[in-house]
Protein backbone atom coordinates (compact mmCIF):
# COMPACT_ATOMS: atom_id res chain seq x y z
CA MET A 1 17.51 15.41 39.67
CA ALA A 2 13.84 14.74 40.36
CA LYS A 3 11.45 17.69 40.50
CA PRO A 4 8.82 18.00 43.26
CA GLY A 5 5.38 17.20 41.94
CA LYS A 6 6.70 15.67 38.71
CA ASP A 7 5.87 12.07 37.90
CA ILE A 8 9.05 10.35 36.61
CA VAL A 9 8.30 7.75 33.94
CA ILE A 10 11.91 7.01 32.94
CA GLU A 11 14.65 7.14 35.51
CA VAL A 12 18.28 6.52 34.56
CA ARG A 13 20.91 6.34 37.29
CA GLY A 14 24.67 5.75 36.90
CA VAL A 15 24.31 3.93 33.59
CA VAL A 16 27.48 2.86 31.82
CA ALA A 17 27.30 1.42 28.33
CA GLY A 18 29.60 1.08 25.34
CA PHE A 19 31.12 -1.16 22.75
CA GLY A 20 34.18 -3.29 23.59
CA ASP A 21 36.70 -1.09 25.27
CA HIS A 22 34.93 2.08 24.23
CA ILE A 23 32.71 3.62 26.88
CA VAL A 24 29.94 5.75 25.36
CA LEU A 25 27.80 6.42 28.41
CA ASP A 26 29.78 7.06 31.59
CA HIS A 27 27.53 7.01 34.66
CA VAL A 28 24.61 8.80 32.98
CA ASP A 29 21.75 10.18 35.14
CA LEU A 30 18.49 11.33 33.50
CA ASP A 31 14.81 11.78 34.37
CA VAL A 32 11.94 11.91 31.87
CA TYR A 33 8.68 13.30 33.23
CA ARG A 34 5.16 12.16 32.36
CA GLY A 35 3.59 14.19 29.54
CA GLU A 36 6.64 16.12 28.42
CA ILE A 37 8.58 16.20 25.19
CA LEU A 38 12.25 15.82 26.13
CA GLY A 39 14.82 16.69 23.52
CA PHE A 40 18.02 14.69 24.04
CA VAL A 41 20.96 16.31 22.26
CA GLY A 42 24.68 15.87 21.84
CA GLY A 43 27.36 15.94 19.24
CA SER A 44 27.61 13.30 16.50
CA GLY A 45 28.67 10.04 18.09
CA ALA A 46 28.03 11.34 21.62
CA GLY A 47 25.71 8.54 22.42
CA LYS A 48 22.13 9.88 22.03
CA SER A 49 20.91 6.79 20.21
CA VAL A 50 22.96 4.52 22.50
CA LEU A 51 21.11 5.73 25.57
CA MET A 52 17.73 5.36 23.88
CA ARG A 53 18.56 1.80 22.74
CA THR A 54 19.89 1.03 26.21
CA VAL A 55 16.69 2.17 27.88
CA ILE A 56 14.52 0.04 25.58
CA GLY A 57 16.80 -2.96 26.07
CA LEU A 58 18.39 -3.27 22.65
CA LEU A 59 21.87 -2.59 24.04
CA PRO A 60 23.05 -3.99 27.39
CA LYS A 61 24.23 -1.64 30.17
CA ARG A 62 27.28 -2.53 32.16
CA VAL A 63 26.27 -0.87 35.47
CA GLY A 64 23.59 1.38 36.68
CA THR A 65 19.81 1.32 36.99
CA ILE A 66 17.00 1.95 34.48
CA LYS A 67 13.49 2.28 35.72
CA VAL A 68 10.45 2.66 33.51
CA PHE A 69 7.11 3.33 35.17
CA ASP A 70 8.99 2.92 38.48
CA THR A 71 9.98 -0.65 37.57
CA ASP A 72 13.61 -1.70 37.51
CA MET A 73 14.01 -3.14 34.01
CA ALA A 74 16.88 -5.40 35.15
CA ALA A 75 14.68 -7.13 37.73
CA VAL A 76 11.61 -7.95 35.62
CA THR A 77 10.50 -11.32 34.26
CA ASP A 78 10.02 -11.78 30.52
CA LEU A 79 6.28 -11.36 30.95
CA GLU A 80 6.66 -8.21 32.94
CA ARG A 81 9.05 -6.81 30.34
CA GLN A 82 6.59 -7.57 27.55
CA ALA A 83 3.82 -5.76 29.49
CA ILE A 84 6.00 -2.66 29.88
CA GLU A 85 7.15 -2.79 26.24
CA ARG A 86 3.52 -2.63 25.15
CA ARG A 87 3.41 0.72 26.88
CA TRP A 88 6.04 2.30 24.61
CA GLY A 89 6.49 2.78 20.90
CA VAL A 90 9.75 3.43 18.97
CA LEU A 91 10.51 5.30 15.78
CA PHE A 92 14.03 4.47 14.61
CA GLN A 93 16.12 6.95 12.60
CA GLN A 94 15.63 5.28 9.20
CA GLY A 95 12.07 4.10 9.98
CA ALA A 96 13.13 0.40 10.19
CA LEU A 97 10.07 -0.75 8.27
CA PHE A 98 10.04 -4.37 7.06
CA SER A 99 10.80 -4.06 3.38
CA SER A 100 8.95 -7.27 2.47
CA LEU A 101 5.67 -6.16 4.16
CA THR A 102 3.16 -3.61 2.97
CA VAL A 103 2.48 -0.50 5.02
CA LYS A 104 -0.60 -2.15 6.43
CA GLU A 105 1.27 -5.27 7.40
CA ASN A 106 4.00 -3.20 9.03
CA LEU A 107 1.44 -1.43 11.21
CA GLN A 108 -0.26 -4.68 12.16
CA PHE A 109 2.97 -6.50 13.03
CA PRO A 110 3.33 -5.26 16.63
CA VAL A 111 -0.37 -5.75 17.27
CA ARG A 112 -0.28 -9.32 16.08
CA GLU A 113 2.65 -9.92 18.48
CA HIS A 114 0.62 -8.77 21.56
CA LEU A 115 -3.13 -8.99 20.80
CA ASP A 116 -5.52 -11.47 19.29
CA LEU A 117 -7.66 -9.36 16.93
CA SER A 118 -9.69 -10.26 13.88
CA GLN A 119 -8.32 -9.25 10.46
CA GLU A 120 -11.15 -6.77 10.15
CA MET A 121 -10.12 -5.05 13.43
CA LEU A 122 -6.45 -5.09 12.33
CA ASP A 123 -7.34 -3.40 9.04
CA GLU A 124 -9.42 -0.75 10.82
CA MET A 125 -6.57 -0.07 13.26
CA ALA A 126 -4.06 0.34 10.43
CA ILE A 127 -6.21 2.90 8.62
CA ALA A 128 -6.93 4.78 11.85
CA LYS A 129 -3.22 5.01 12.72
CA LEU A 130 -2.39 6.18 9.21
CA GLU A 131 -5.01 8.91 9.36
CA MET A 132 -3.67 9.89 12.78
CA VAL A 133 -0.31 10.76 11.17
CA GLY A 134 -1.84 12.46 8.17
CA LEU A 135 -1.69 9.66 5.61
CA ASP A 136 -4.48 8.35 3.42
CA ALA A 137 -5.79 4.76 3.58
CA LYS A 138 -4.55 4.29 0.03
CA VAL A 139 -1.02 4.03 1.39
CA CYS A 140 -1.91 0.66 3.07
CA GLU A 141 -0.95 -1.49 0.09
CA LYS A 142 2.29 0.25 -0.74
CA PHE A 143 5.71 -1.25 0.13
CA PRO A 144 8.37 0.83 1.98
CA SER A 145 10.34 1.11 -1.22
CA GLU A 146 7.49 3.06 -2.73
CA LEU A 147 7.38 5.70 -0.03
CA SER A 148 9.05 9.09 0.11
CA GLY A 149 11.29 9.88 3.09
CA GLY A 150 8.54 11.93 4.76
CA MET A 151 5.98 9.19 4.26
CA THR A 152 8.35 6.59 5.61
CA LYS A 153 8.75 8.63 8.84
CA ARG A 154 4.97 8.96 9.17
CA VAL A 155 4.35 5.27 8.60
CA ALA A 156 7.03 4.38 11.12
CA LEU A 157 5.46 6.80 13.65
CA ALA A 158 2.00 5.20 12.96
CA ARG A 159 3.54 1.79 13.75
CA ALA A 160 5.05 3.21 16.95
CA LEU A 161 1.54 4.26 17.94
CA ALA A 162 -0.09 0.96 16.97
CA LEU A 163 -0.46 -0.31 20.55
CA ASP A 164 -1.60 3.06 21.95
CA PRO A 165 1.63 3.62 23.96
CA GLU A 166 2.19 6.03 26.83
CA ILE A 167 5.81 6.71 25.86
CA VAL A 168 7.14 7.26 22.38
CA PHE A 169 10.90 7.12 21.64
CA LEU A 170 11.96 9.08 18.56
CA ASP A 171 15.49 8.64 17.16
CA GLU A 172 16.41 11.67 14.95
CA PRO A 173 12.78 11.98 13.69
CA THR A 174 13.50 14.84 11.31
CA SER A 175 16.77 13.66 9.84
CA GLY A 176 16.68 13.43 6.08
CA LEU A 177 13.66 15.66 5.77
CA ASP A 178 13.61 19.04 4.05
CA PRO A 179 12.88 22.10 6.27
CA ILE A 180 9.17 22.12 5.29
CA GLY A 181 8.78 18.42 5.90
CA ALA A 182 10.73 18.63 9.20
CA GLY A 183 8.50 21.47 10.36
CA GLU A 184 5.36 19.55 9.54
CA PHE A 185 6.66 16.55 11.38
CA ASP A 186 7.47 18.67 14.45
CA THR A 187 3.91 19.96 14.40
CA LEU A 188 2.56 16.42 14.11
CA ILE A 189 4.57 15.24 17.09
CA ALA A 190 3.38 18.18 19.18
CA THR A 191 -0.24 17.62 18.21
CA LEU A 192 -0.10 13.89 18.95
CA GLN A 193 1.61 14.50 22.30
CA ARG A 194 -1.07 16.97 23.28
CA THR A 195 -4.09 14.93 22.06
CA LEU A 196 -2.92 11.57 23.29
CA GLY A 197 -1.12 12.64 26.41
CA LEU A 198 2.14 11.04 25.31
CA THR A 199 5.54 11.26 26.96
CA VAL A 200 8.08 11.79 24.16
CA PHE A 201 11.85 11.04 24.38
CA MET A 202 13.33 12.59 21.27
CA ALA A 203 17.03 12.06 20.41
CA THR A 204 17.75 14.81 17.98
CA HIS A 205 20.31 17.38 16.68
CA ASP A 206 17.59 19.54 15.09
CA LEU A 207 17.74 23.00 16.66
CA ASP A 208 14.32 23.97 15.20
CA SER A 209 12.77 20.95 16.92
CA LEU A 210 14.33 21.87 20.21
CA HIS A 211 12.96 25.40 19.97
CA THR A 212 9.46 24.60 18.70
CA VAL A 213 8.24 21.38 20.36
CA CYS A 214 10.52 20.41 23.32
CA ASP A 215 9.40 21.21 26.82
CA ARG A 216 12.86 20.35 28.21
CA ILE A 217 16.25 19.57 26.82
CA ALA A 218 18.96 17.24 28.15
CA VAL A 219 22.46 17.51 26.81
CA LEU A 220 24.94 14.61 26.53
CA ALA A 221 28.68 15.37 26.30
CA ASP A 222 31.76 13.44 27.40
CA GLY A 223 29.57 10.48 28.21
CA LYS A 224 27.46 12.32 30.77
CA VAL A 225 24.37 14.49 30.87
CA ILE A 226 25.91 17.88 31.50
CA ALA A 227 22.69 19.96 31.54
CA ALA A 228 18.94 19.49 31.66
CA GLY A 229 16.29 22.23 31.56
CA THR A 230 14.28 24.51 29.31
CA MET A 231 15.61 26.27 26.26
CA ASP A 232 16.03 29.44 28.33
CA THR A 233 18.34 27.42 30.64
CA MET A 234 20.37 26.27 27.68
CA LEU A 235 20.67 29.73 26.22
CA ALA A 236 21.73 31.15 29.57
CA SER A 237 24.46 28.57 30.27
CA ASN A 238 28.15 29.46 30.05
CA HIS A 239 29.25 25.93 29.49
CA PRO A 240 31.51 25.94 26.37
CA TRP A 241 29.69 23.10 24.58
CA LEU A 242 26.31 24.59 25.20
CA LYS A 243 27.42 28.02 24.07
CA ALA A 244 28.86 26.54 20.84
CA TYR A 245 25.69 24.54 20.16
CA PHE A 246 22.97 26.97 21.06
CA HIS A 247 24.70 30.22 20.05
CA GLY A 248 26.61 28.99 16.98
CA LYS A 249 26.16 30.16 13.45
CA ARG A 250 23.09 27.96 12.88
CA ALA A 251 21.43 28.78 16.24
CA ARG A 252 18.07 30.63 16.48
CA THR A 253 19.28 33.35 18.85
CA SER A 254 17.93 36.74 17.97
CA ASP A 255 19.63 38.96 15.45
CA MET A 256 19.90 41.66 18.11
CA SER A 257 22.13 39.45 20.19
CA ARG A 258 24.62 39.32 17.32
CA LYS A 259 24.86 43.04 16.82
């Protein structure tokens, strides 16, 4: 699956994961290349979020190998895992902000866990990250319950960027947003990826996101990655699931193709 000349930062080989007797991931193989935005798609319940959570260690795999930065995550010490985890950030589907903490305190939480900084430095960091995602410093003292859906997503993204990661995992980043808000969030992701040199792993079902910001797409169906490539590759495929997904009624294929 590797491409010559491409630096693989996440390598998944033969991974099996599930819940009880239910197998969700059935010997999954996947590569994520440095500096790309990979859109990871599949039907509802197919296991997009399960793979993301398995890669970052929130769900255990049963068999297989997961390497991040060429390091086998099953063979690392606790200190080595912490060092690698500092190099990634995660935006969960619902934001997963701590409801009892202010926005500023939410952003400072991961930094306090890993670095010994003065309060002044922590406050400056929080404001800088908020501005990076298009929010004003006045948001700092708000609680998550006072935020709109779009603001919650941006604050959660700012927290994911708090430790200046190299990889960002995004779980359904545009879900719950109206089309304008989703489009603006896509633009923000693309801008941050370009300016910060991020590698982005985006689990999504948003066809607009796949078309506008993703460099490559990987498709999960029946517990396996059935295809990986550019949007042109997806549109050219004759696989029944890919045809239904990328050429369905809500797809962005040209009007001419439907005449």
